[in-house]
């Protein structure tokens, strides 16, 4: 299956990017096609509902998401919320006006989060709700939420490494189970 991981951090020494690489590696180890698409090197302009659609990054990202069987979004948590980069990505590739079709319809989506503290675990709730209600995505209930204290001398702790592995396993299982579904969604309320 095609299960890309999108690294949604613009930080040059991003922890969520390290988690994105590890997530893709776990998926590839289980026989899936998984590449890391890094928004830091394929910069998507801020969502303006206009010129963003003319950017090269928009077209490439829209295709990666649309052609996938499921998407892993790896992003930092800032101020109790997902980063603006992940939100801008979803707004741009999810836009449906002027003949555009959102890339996100019916995707299995998994969150891999990097945070300073473990206290903002629920920060992904509004993002998950938007993906489910707007695009009929199936959001993996196993989020890999990794705080700074989960790293020991640059190595992910055993329990968090196990959680990341379980999260990727469930992601692939959900994508496989839903891959051949006959119902397809479009924009509707």
N, C-alpha and C. Protein backbone atom coordinates (compact mmCIF):
# COMPACT_ATOMS: atom_id res chain seq x y z
N UNK A 1 0.83 -1.18 0.00
CA UNK A 1 0.00 0.00 0.00
C UNK A 1 0.88 1.24 0.00
N UNK A 2 0.30 2.33 -0.45
CA UNK A 2 0.99 3.64 -0.45
C UNK A 2 0.60 4.38 0.82
N UNK A 3 1.57 4.53 1.73
CA UNK A 3 1.32 5.13 3.03
C UNK A 3 2.36 6.21 3.31
N UNK A 4 2.28 7.35 2.65
CA UNK A 4 3.26 8.40 2.87
C UNK A 4 3.17 9.01 4.27
N UNK A 5 4.28 9.55 4.70
CA UNK A 5 4.36 10.27 5.97
C UNK A 5 4.73 11.70 5.62
N UNK A 6 3.92 12.65 6.06
CA UNK A 6 4.19 14.05 5.77
C UNK A 6 4.72 14.71 7.04
N UNK A 7 5.95 15.19 6.97
CA UNK A 7 6.57 15.90 8.08
C UNK A 7 6.15 17.36 7.99
N UNK A 8 5.39 17.79 8.99
CA UNK A 8 4.79 19.14 8.96
C UNK A 8 5.46 20.08 9.95
N UNK A 9 6.77 20.03 9.98
CA UNK A 9 7.52 20.96 10.83
C UNK A 9 8.49 21.73 9.95
N UNK A 10 8.61 23.00 10.23
CA UNK A 10 9.56 23.83 9.49
C UNK A 10 10.85 24.03 10.28
N UNK A 11 10.93 23.48 11.47
CA UNK A 11 12.10 23.57 12.34
C UNK A 11 13.25 22.75 11.74
N UNK A 12 14.43 23.36 11.55
CA UNK A 12 15.54 22.61 10.94
C UNK A 12 16.05 21.44 11.79
N UNK A 13 15.80 21.44 13.08
CA UNK A 13 16.20 20.32 13.94
C UNK A 13 14.96 19.70 14.59
N UNK A 14 13.98 19.43 13.79
CA UNK A 14 12.66 19.00 14.24
C UNK A 14 12.64 17.59 14.82
N UNK A 15 12.03 17.46 15.98
CA UNK A 15 11.81 16.15 16.58
C UNK A 15 10.73 15.40 15.81
N UNK A 16 9.69 16.10 15.37
CA UNK A 16 8.62 15.41 14.63
C UNK A 16 9.14 14.88 13.29
N UNK A 17 10.14 15.52 12.70
CA UNK A 17 10.74 15.00 11.47
C UNK A 17 11.46 13.68 11.75
N UNK A 18 12.16 13.61 12.88
CA UNK A 18 12.80 12.34 13.27
C UNK A 18 11.75 11.25 13.45
N UNK A 19 10.61 11.61 14.04
CA UNK A 19 9.52 10.64 14.21
C UNK A 19 8.90 10.26 12.86
N UNK A 20 8.85 11.21 11.93
CA UNK A 20 8.34 10.91 10.59
C UNK A 20 9.23 9.88 9.90
N UNK A 21 10.53 10.09 9.98
CA UNK A 21 11.48 9.14 9.37
C UNK A 21 11.32 7.75 9.99
N UNK A 22 11.20 7.71 11.29
CA UNK A 22 11.05 6.42 11.97
C UNK A 22 9.73 5.76 11.60
N UNK A 23 8.67 6.55 11.47
CA UNK A 23 7.36 6.00 11.08
C UNK A 23 7.41 5.39 9.69
N UNK A 24 8.01 6.11 8.74
CA UNK A 24 8.14 5.59 7.38
C UNK A 24 8.97 4.32 7.35
N UNK A 25 10.02 4.29 8.15
CA UNK A 25 10.86 3.11 8.22
C UNK A 25 10.08 1.89 8.74
N UNK A 26 9.25 2.10 9.75
CA UNK A 26 8.42 1.01 10.28
C UNK A 26 7.44 0.51 9.22
N UNK A 27 6.84 1.43 8.48
CA UNK A 27 5.89 1.03 7.43
C UNK A 27 6.60 0.26 6.32
N UNK A 28 7.78 0.75 5.91
CA UNK A 28 8.54 0.04 4.86
C UNK A 28 8.97 -1.34 5.33
N UNK A 29 9.34 -1.46 6.60
CA UNK A 29 9.75 -2.76 7.14
C UNK A 29 8.62 -3.78 7.08
N UNK A 30 7.40 -3.30 7.02
CA UNK A 30 6.24 -4.19 6.91
C UNK A 30 5.71 -4.30 5.49
N UNK A 31 6.53 -3.90 4.52
CA UNK A 31 6.21 -4.13 3.11
C UNK A 31 5.40 -3.05 2.42
N UNK A 32 5.25 -1.90 3.03
CA UNK A 32 4.45 -0.83 2.43
C UNK A 32 5.33 0.21 1.77
N UNK A 33 4.79 0.87 0.78
CA UNK A 33 5.48 2.00 0.17
C UNK A 33 5.29 3.21 1.06
N UNK A 34 6.37 3.74 1.59
CA UNK A 34 6.25 4.89 2.49
C UNK A 34 7.44 5.80 2.30
N UNK A 35 7.15 7.02 1.91
CA UNK A 35 8.18 8.04 1.77
C UNK A 35 7.86 9.17 2.73
N UNK A 36 8.89 9.89 3.14
CA UNK A 36 8.67 11.08 3.95
C UNK A 36 8.63 12.27 3.01
N UNK A 37 7.55 13.01 3.07
CA UNK A 37 7.42 14.27 2.34
C UNK A 37 7.60 15.36 3.39
N UNK A 38 8.61 16.17 3.22
CA UNK A 38 9.01 17.14 4.23
C UNK A 38 8.60 18.55 3.81
N UNK A 39 7.70 19.16 4.55
CA UNK A 39 7.26 20.51 4.21
C UNK A 39 8.39 21.54 4.35
N UNK A 40 9.45 21.19 5.05
CA UNK A 40 10.59 22.11 5.16
C UNK A 40 11.37 22.17 3.85
N UNK A 41 11.33 21.10 3.05
CA UNK A 41 12.06 21.10 1.78
C UNK A 41 11.13 21.21 0.57
N UNK A 42 9.84 21.01 0.79
CA UNK A 42 8.83 21.21 -0.26
C UNK A 42 7.85 22.24 0.27
N UNK A 43 8.33 23.47 0.44
CA UNK A 43 7.53 24.46 1.17
C UNK A 43 6.21 24.82 0.49
N UNK A 44 5.17 24.68 1.26
CA UNK A 44 3.83 25.06 0.82
C UNK A 44 3.58 26.48 1.32
N UNK A 45 3.20 27.39 0.44
CA UNK A 45 2.90 28.74 0.91
C UNK A 45 1.77 28.71 1.94
N UNK A 46 1.73 29.72 2.78
CA UNK A 46 0.63 29.83 3.74
C UNK A 46 -0.69 29.84 2.98
N UNK A 47 -1.69 29.22 3.56
CA UNK A 47 -2.99 29.13 2.89
C UNK A 47 -3.62 30.51 2.77
N UNK A 48 -3.91 30.90 1.53
CA UNK A 48 -4.54 32.20 1.26
C UNK A 48 -5.80 32.05 0.40
N UNK A 49 -6.16 30.81 0.08
CA UNK A 49 -7.32 30.49 -0.76
C UNK A 49 -7.21 31.13 -2.15
N UNK A 50 -5.97 31.33 -2.60
CA UNK A 50 -5.78 31.96 -3.91
C UNK A 50 -4.47 31.46 -4.52
N UNK A 51 -3.37 32.13 -4.24
CA UNK A 51 -2.10 31.83 -4.89
C UNK A 51 -1.47 30.51 -4.46
N UNK A 52 -1.86 29.99 -3.30
CA UNK A 52 -1.33 28.72 -2.86
C UNK A 52 -1.59 27.63 -3.90
N UNK A 53 -2.71 27.73 -4.61
CA UNK A 53 -3.09 26.70 -5.59
C UNK A 53 -2.21 26.73 -6.84
N UNK A 54 -1.47 27.80 -7.04
CA UNK A 54 -0.56 27.91 -8.19
C UNK A 54 0.85 27.42 -7.87
N UNK A 55 1.11 27.08 -6.62
CA UNK A 55 2.46 26.68 -6.24
C UNK A 55 2.75 25.24 -6.66
N UNK A 56 4.01 24.97 -6.97
CA UNK A 56 4.42 23.60 -7.32
C UNK A 56 4.18 22.65 -6.15
N UNK A 57 4.43 23.14 -4.94
CA UNK A 57 4.27 22.30 -3.76
C UNK A 57 2.82 21.84 -3.61
N UNK A 58 1.87 22.72 -3.88
CA UNK A 58 0.46 22.35 -3.76
C UNK A 58 0.14 21.15 -4.64
N UNK A 59 0.49 21.23 -5.92
CA UNK A 59 0.17 20.14 -6.84
C UNK A 59 0.81 18.83 -6.43
N UNK A 60 2.08 18.88 -6.03
CA UNK A 60 2.78 17.66 -5.62
C UNK A 60 2.18 17.07 -4.35
N UNK A 61 1.89 17.91 -3.37
CA UNK A 61 1.31 17.42 -2.12
C UNK A 61 -0.10 16.88 -2.33
N UNK A 62 -0.89 17.57 -3.14
CA UNK A 62 -2.25 17.11 -3.43
C UNK A 62 -2.20 15.71 -4.05
N UNK A 63 -1.28 15.50 -4.99
CA UNK A 63 -1.16 14.20 -5.64
C UNK A 63 -0.73 13.11 -4.66
N UNK A 64 0.24 13.40 -3.81
CA UNK A 64 0.71 12.41 -2.83
C UNK A 64 -0.44 11.97 -1.93
N UNK A 65 -1.21 12.92 -1.45
CA UNK A 65 -2.32 12.60 -0.55
C UNK A 65 -3.43 11.87 -1.31
N UNK A 66 -3.83 12.39 -2.45
CA UNK A 66 -4.93 11.81 -3.23
C UNK A 66 -4.63 10.37 -3.65
N UNK A 67 -3.40 10.09 -4.01
CA UNK A 67 -3.03 8.76 -4.51
C UNK A 67 -2.70 7.77 -3.41
N UNK A 68 -2.72 8.20 -2.16
CA UNK A 68 -2.34 7.32 -1.06
C UNK A 68 -3.50 6.45 -0.58
N UNK A 69 -3.13 5.40 0.14
CA UNK A 69 -4.13 4.57 0.82
C UNK A 69 -4.36 5.08 2.24
N UNK A 70 -3.48 5.89 2.73
CA UNK A 70 -3.57 6.48 4.06
C UNK A 70 -2.40 7.42 4.24
N UNK A 71 -2.53 8.37 5.15
CA UNK A 71 -1.51 9.39 5.35
C UNK A 71 -1.16 9.49 6.83
N UNK A 72 0.12 9.51 7.11
CA UNK A 72 0.60 9.81 8.45
C UNK A 72 1.02 11.28 8.46
N UNK A 73 0.49 12.03 9.41
CA UNK A 73 0.88 13.42 9.59
C UNK A 73 1.74 13.51 10.84
N UNK A 74 2.99 13.90 10.66
CA UNK A 74 3.91 14.08 11.79
C UNK A 74 4.09 15.58 12.00
N UNK A 75 3.79 16.05 13.21
CA UNK A 75 3.82 17.49 13.43
C UNK A 75 4.08 17.81 14.90
N UNK A 76 4.59 19.01 15.13
CA UNK A 76 4.78 19.46 16.51
C UNK A 76 3.47 20.01 17.08
N UNK A 77 3.41 20.00 18.40
CA UNK A 77 2.32 20.64 19.12
C UNK A 77 2.89 21.93 19.70
N UNK A 78 2.27 23.05 19.32
CA UNK A 78 2.67 24.36 19.84
C UNK A 78 1.45 25.00 20.50
N UNK A 79 1.61 25.51 21.70
CA UNK A 79 0.53 26.22 22.39
C UNK A 79 -0.77 25.41 22.40
N UNK A 80 -0.67 24.15 22.73
CA UNK A 80 -1.81 23.26 22.89
C UNK A 80 -2.56 22.99 21.59
N UNK A 81 -1.87 23.11 20.46
CA UNK A 81 -2.52 22.90 19.16
C UNK A 81 -1.51 22.39 18.14
N UNK A 82 -1.99 21.69 17.11
CA UNK A 82 -1.10 21.31 16.01
C UNK A 82 -0.49 22.54 15.35
N UNK A 83 0.66 22.36 14.75
CA UNK A 83 1.35 23.48 14.12
C UNK A 83 0.54 24.09 12.98
N UNK A 84 0.83 25.33 12.69
CA UNK A 84 0.12 26.01 11.59
C UNK A 84 0.45 25.36 10.25
N UNK A 85 1.62 24.75 10.12
CA UNK A 85 1.99 24.11 8.85
C UNK A 85 1.05 22.96 8.51
N UNK A 86 0.70 22.13 9.49
CA UNK A 86 -0.20 21.01 9.21
C UNK A 86 -1.61 21.53 8.89
N UNK A 87 -2.02 22.57 9.59
CA UNK A 87 -3.34 23.13 9.31
C UNK A 87 -3.39 23.76 7.92
N UNK A 88 -2.33 24.44 7.53
CA UNK A 88 -2.26 25.05 6.20
C UNK A 88 -2.27 23.97 5.11
N UNK A 89 -1.56 22.88 5.35
CA UNK A 89 -1.53 21.75 4.41
C UNK A 89 -2.95 21.22 4.18
N UNK A 90 -3.68 21.00 5.25
CA UNK A 90 -5.03 20.45 5.12
C UNK A 90 -5.98 21.45 4.46
N UNK A 91 -5.84 22.72 4.82
CA UNK A 91 -6.70 23.74 4.20
C UNK A 91 -6.47 23.82 2.70
N UNK A 92 -5.21 23.79 2.28
CA UNK A 92 -4.90 23.90 0.85
C UNK A 92 -5.32 22.66 0.08
N UNK A 93 -4.91 21.50 0.55
CA UNK A 93 -5.19 20.25 -0.19
C UNK A 93 -6.61 19.75 0.05
N UNK A 94 -7.32 20.42 0.96
CA UNK A 94 -8.71 20.07 1.22
C UNK A 94 -9.71 21.03 0.59
N UNK A 95 -9.22 22.07 -0.05
CA UNK A 95 -10.12 23.06 -0.64
C UNK A 95 -10.91 22.44 -1.79
N UNK A 96 -12.18 22.84 -1.90
CA UNK A 96 -13.06 22.26 -2.91
C UNK A 96 -13.66 23.28 -3.87
N UNK A 97 -13.36 24.54 -3.73
CA UNK A 97 -13.97 25.56 -4.60
C UNK A 97 -13.37 25.57 -5.99
N UNK A 98 -14.07 26.21 -6.92
CA UNK A 98 -13.61 26.45 -8.29
C UNK A 98 -13.11 25.18 -9.00
N UNK A 99 -13.88 24.12 -8.89
CA UNK A 99 -13.56 22.89 -9.61
C UNK A 99 -12.53 22.00 -8.95
N UNK A 100 -12.03 22.38 -7.79
CA UNK A 100 -11.05 21.54 -7.10
C UNK A 100 -11.76 20.46 -6.30
N UNK A 101 -11.11 19.31 -6.18
CA UNK A 101 -11.62 18.23 -5.33
C UNK A 101 -10.59 17.97 -4.25
N UNK A 102 -11.02 17.94 -3.02
CA UNK A 102 -10.12 17.72 -1.90
C UNK A 102 -9.41 16.38 -2.04
N UNK A 103 -8.15 16.36 -1.65
CA UNK A 103 -7.36 15.14 -1.71
C UNK A 103 -7.66 14.20 -0.55
N UNK A 104 -8.31 14.70 0.49
CA UNK A 104 -8.44 13.97 1.75
C UNK A 104 -9.62 13.02 1.84
N UNK A 105 -10.56 13.05 0.93
CA UNK A 105 -11.75 12.24 1.09
C UNK A 105 -11.44 10.76 1.32
N UNK A 106 -12.02 10.21 2.38
CA UNK A 106 -11.98 8.78 2.70
C UNK A 106 -10.59 8.25 3.07
N UNK A 107 -9.67 9.09 3.45
CA UNK A 107 -8.32 8.64 3.81
C UNK A 107 -8.28 8.16 5.25
N UNK A 108 -7.43 7.19 5.50
CA UNK A 108 -7.05 6.83 6.86
C UNK A 108 -5.93 7.79 7.24
N UNK A 109 -6.08 8.47 8.36
CA UNK A 109 -5.11 9.46 8.79
C UNK A 109 -4.63 9.13 10.20
N UNK A 110 -3.33 9.18 10.36
CA UNK A 110 -2.71 8.91 11.66
C UNK A 110 -1.85 10.09 12.05
N UNK A 111 -1.90 10.44 13.34
CA UNK A 111 -1.11 11.55 13.87
C UNK A 111 0.10 11.03 14.64
N UNK A 112 1.25 11.63 14.36
CA UNK A 112 2.47 11.41 15.12
C UNK A 112 2.91 12.78 15.59
N UNK A 113 2.87 12.99 16.90
CA UNK A 113 3.07 14.33 17.45
C UNK A 113 4.31 14.41 18.33
N UNK A 114 5.00 15.52 18.21
CA UNK A 114 6.13 15.83 19.09
C UNK A 114 5.73 17.04 19.93
N UNK A 115 5.95 16.93 21.22
CA UNK A 115 5.56 18.03 22.11
C UNK A 115 6.59 18.22 23.21
N UNK A 116 6.59 19.40 23.77
CA UNK A 116 7.49 19.67 24.88
C UNK A 116 7.09 18.93 26.14
N UNK A 117 5.81 18.94 26.44
CA UNK A 117 5.29 18.30 27.65
C UNK A 117 4.18 17.31 27.28
N UNK A 118 3.91 16.36 28.16
CA UNK A 118 2.86 15.38 27.86
C UNK A 118 1.45 15.89 28.10
N UNK A 119 1.28 17.11 28.53
CA UNK A 119 -0.03 17.61 28.96
C UNK A 119 -0.99 17.96 27.83
N UNK A 120 -0.53 18.12 26.61
CA UNK A 120 -1.43 18.55 25.54
C UNK A 120 -1.79 17.40 24.60
N UNK A 121 -1.93 16.22 25.17
CA UNK A 121 -2.26 15.02 24.40
C UNK A 121 -3.55 15.18 23.59
N UNK A 122 -4.51 15.92 24.11
CA UNK A 122 -5.80 16.07 23.44
C UNK A 122 -5.79 17.18 22.39
N UNK A 123 -4.64 17.76 22.12
CA UNK A 123 -4.54 18.90 21.19
C UNK A 123 -4.95 18.56 19.76
N UNK A 124 -5.01 17.30 19.42
CA UNK A 124 -5.36 16.91 18.05
C UNK A 124 -6.86 16.73 17.84
N UNK A 125 -7.65 16.91 18.89
CA UNK A 125 -9.09 16.64 18.80
C UNK A 125 -9.81 17.42 17.72
N UNK A 126 -9.60 18.73 17.65
CA UNK A 126 -10.29 19.55 16.65
C UNK A 126 -9.84 19.19 15.24
N UNK A 127 -8.55 18.90 15.08
CA UNK A 127 -8.03 18.52 13.76
C UNK A 127 -8.65 17.19 13.31
N UNK A 128 -8.72 16.23 14.22
CA UNK A 128 -9.34 14.93 13.91
C UNK A 128 -10.81 15.11 13.54
N UNK A 129 -11.50 15.92 14.31
CA UNK A 129 -12.92 16.15 14.04
C UNK A 129 -13.14 16.78 12.67
N UNK A 130 -12.31 17.73 12.32
CA UNK A 130 -12.42 18.37 11.01
C UNK A 130 -12.18 17.37 9.89
N UNK A 131 -11.16 16.54 10.01
CA UNK A 131 -10.88 15.54 8.97
C UNK A 131 -12.04 14.54 8.84
N UNK A 132 -12.60 14.14 9.97
CA UNK A 132 -13.69 13.17 9.94
C UNK A 132 -14.97 13.78 9.35
N UNK A 133 -15.33 14.96 9.79
CA UNK A 133 -16.59 15.54 9.35
C UNK A 133 -16.52 16.17 7.97
N UNK A 134 -15.42 16.85 7.67
CA UNK A 134 -15.30 17.50 6.36
C UNK A 134 -14.98 16.52 5.24
N UNK A 135 -14.09 15.58 5.51
CA UNK A 135 -13.57 14.72 4.44
C UNK A 135 -13.85 13.23 4.64
N UNK A 136 -14.61 12.91 5.67
CA UNK A 136 -15.00 11.52 5.95
C UNK A 136 -13.77 10.63 6.13
N UNK A 137 -12.71 11.20 6.68
CA UNK A 137 -11.50 10.43 6.97
C UNK A 137 -11.76 9.50 8.15
N UNK A 138 -11.01 8.42 8.19
CA UNK A 138 -11.00 7.54 9.35
C UNK A 138 -9.70 7.87 10.09
N UNK A 139 -9.84 8.43 11.28
CA UNK A 139 -8.66 8.84 12.04
C UNK A 139 -8.29 7.72 12.99
N UNK A 140 -7.06 7.28 12.87
CA UNK A 140 -6.53 6.22 13.71
C UNK A 140 -6.63 6.65 15.18
N UNK A 141 -7.27 5.85 16.03
CA UNK A 141 -7.36 6.23 17.44
C UNK A 141 -6.04 6.10 18.19
N UNK A 142 -5.07 5.45 17.59
CA UNK A 142 -3.75 5.32 18.20
C UNK A 142 -2.86 6.44 17.69
N UNK A 143 -2.79 7.50 18.45
CA UNK A 143 -1.90 8.61 18.15
C UNK A 143 -0.56 8.34 18.82
N UNK A 144 0.52 8.59 18.11
CA UNK A 144 1.84 8.51 18.74
C UNK A 144 2.17 9.92 19.22
N UNK A 145 2.08 10.12 20.50
CA UNK A 145 2.33 11.43 21.11
C UNK A 145 3.61 11.30 21.92
N UNK A 146 4.64 12.02 21.49
CA UNK A 146 5.96 11.89 22.09
C UNK A 146 6.37 13.24 22.67
N UNK A 147 6.63 13.27 23.96
CA UNK A 147 7.08 14.48 24.64
C UNK A 147 8.61 14.46 24.77
N UNK A 148 9.17 15.62 25.09
CA UNK A 148 10.63 15.71 25.24
C UNK A 148 11.17 14.69 26.24
N UNK A 149 10.44 14.46 27.31
CA UNK A 149 10.93 13.53 28.35
C UNK A 149 10.90 12.07 27.89
N UNK A 150 10.33 11.79 26.73
CA UNK A 150 10.28 10.42 26.20
C UNK A 150 11.55 10.03 25.45
N UNK A 151 12.50 10.94 25.39
CA UNK A 151 13.79 10.69 24.75
C UNK A 151 14.86 10.53 25.82
N UNK A 152 15.67 9.51 25.70
CA UNK A 152 16.76 9.27 26.65
C UNK A 152 18.06 9.28 25.87
N UNK A 153 18.85 10.32 26.07
CA UNK A 153 20.14 10.48 25.37
C UNK A 153 19.97 10.36 23.85
N UNK A 154 18.91 11.01 23.33
CA UNK A 154 18.67 11.00 21.89
C UNK A 154 17.97 9.76 21.37
N UNK A 155 17.61 8.84 22.24
CA UNK A 155 16.94 7.61 21.85
C UNK A 155 15.52 7.59 22.42
N UNK A 156 14.59 7.19 21.61
CA UNK A 156 13.20 7.11 22.04
C UNK A 156 13.05 6.03 23.11
N UNK A 157 12.31 6.33 24.18
CA UNK A 157 12.12 5.36 25.26
C UNK A 157 11.43 4.11 24.73
N UNK A 158 11.63 3.01 25.43
CA UNK A 158 11.10 1.72 25.00
C UNK A 158 9.58 1.76 24.87
N UNK A 159 8.89 2.34 25.84
CA UNK A 159 7.43 2.34 25.77
C UNK A 159 6.90 3.24 24.65
N UNK A 160 7.54 4.37 24.39
CA UNK A 160 7.11 5.24 23.30
C UNK A 160 7.46 4.64 21.94
N UNK A 161 8.59 3.93 21.85
CA UNK A 161 8.95 3.24 20.61
C UNK A 161 7.91 2.16 20.30
N UNK A 162 7.47 1.45 21.34
CA UNK A 162 6.45 0.42 21.16
C UNK A 162 5.13 1.06 20.73
N UNK A 163 4.80 2.22 21.29
CA UNK A 163 3.56 2.90 20.91
C UNK A 163 3.62 3.36 19.46
N UNK A 164 4.77 3.88 19.03
CA UNK A 164 4.91 4.30 17.63
C UNK A 164 4.75 3.11 16.70
N UNK A 165 5.35 1.99 17.05
CA UNK A 165 5.23 0.79 16.23
C UNK A 165 3.77 0.32 16.16
N UNK A 166 3.08 0.29 17.30
CA UNK A 166 1.67 -0.11 17.31
C UNK A 166 0.82 0.86 16.49
N UNK A 167 1.12 2.14 16.59
CA UNK A 167 0.39 3.15 15.83
C UNK A 167 0.53 2.92 14.33
N UNK A 168 1.74 2.60 13.88
CA UNK A 168 1.95 2.34 12.45
C UNK A 168 1.30 1.03 12.02
N UNK A 169 1.31 0.03 12.89
CA UNK A 169 0.65 -1.24 12.57
C UNK A 169 -0.85 -1.03 12.39
N UNK A 170 -1.47 -0.30 13.31
CA UNK A 170 -2.91 -0.03 13.21
C UNK A 170 -3.20 0.82 11.97
N UNK A 171 -2.34 1.79 11.69
CA UNK A 171 -2.52 2.62 10.49
C UNK A 171 -2.59 1.74 9.24
N UNK A 172 -1.63 0.85 9.09
CA UNK A 172 -1.60 -0.03 7.91
C UNK A 172 -2.80 -0.98 7.89
N UNK A 173 -3.18 -1.50 9.06
CA UNK A 173 -4.33 -2.40 9.11
C UNK A 173 -5.62 -1.68 8.70
N UNK A 174 -5.83 -0.48 9.23
CA UNK A 174 -7.03 0.28 8.86
C UNK A 174 -7.04 0.60 7.36
N UNK A 175 -5.90 1.02 6.84
CA UNK A 175 -5.82 1.34 5.41
C UNK A 175 -6.12 0.10 4.57
N UNK A 176 -5.59 -1.05 4.98
CA UNK A 176 -5.85 -2.29 4.25
C UNK A 176 -7.31 -2.70 4.29
N UNK A 177 -7.93 -2.57 5.45
CA UNK A 177 -9.33 -2.94 5.59
C UNK A 177 -10.25 -2.04 4.78
N UNK A 178 -9.89 -0.77 4.65
CA UNK A 178 -10.76 0.19 3.97
C UNK A 178 -10.39 0.42 2.51
N UNK A 179 -9.34 -0.20 2.06
CA UNK A 179 -8.82 0.05 0.71
C UNK A 179 -9.83 -0.27 -0.39
N UNK A 180 -10.57 -1.34 -0.23
CA UNK A 180 -11.49 -1.77 -1.29
C UNK A 180 -12.95 -1.42 -1.00
N UNK A 181 -13.17 -0.46 -0.13
CA UNK A 181 -14.57 -0.11 0.16
C UNK A 181 -15.25 0.43 -1.09
N UNK A 182 -16.54 0.25 -1.14
CA UNK A 182 -17.29 0.67 -2.33
C UNK A 182 -17.89 2.06 -2.19
N UNK A 183 -18.05 2.54 -0.97
CA UNK A 183 -18.62 3.88 -0.80
C UNK A 183 -17.51 4.92 -0.89
N UNK A 184 -17.74 5.96 -1.66
CA UNK A 184 -16.78 7.04 -1.80
C UNK A 184 -17.47 8.35 -1.46
N UNK A 185 -16.75 9.22 -0.77
CA UNK A 185 -17.33 10.47 -0.30
C UNK A 185 -16.98 11.63 -1.20
N UNK A 186 -17.76 12.66 -1.06
CA UNK A 186 -17.51 13.94 -1.69
C UNK A 186 -17.99 14.99 -0.70
N UNK A 187 -17.87 16.25 -1.06
CA UNK A 187 -18.27 17.29 -0.13
C UNK A 187 -19.76 17.24 0.12
N UNK A 188 -20.15 17.11 1.38
CA UNK A 188 -21.55 17.13 1.78
C UNK A 188 -21.61 17.42 3.27
N UNK A 189 -22.73 17.95 3.69
CA UNK A 189 -22.92 18.24 5.12
C UNK A 189 -23.96 17.29 5.66
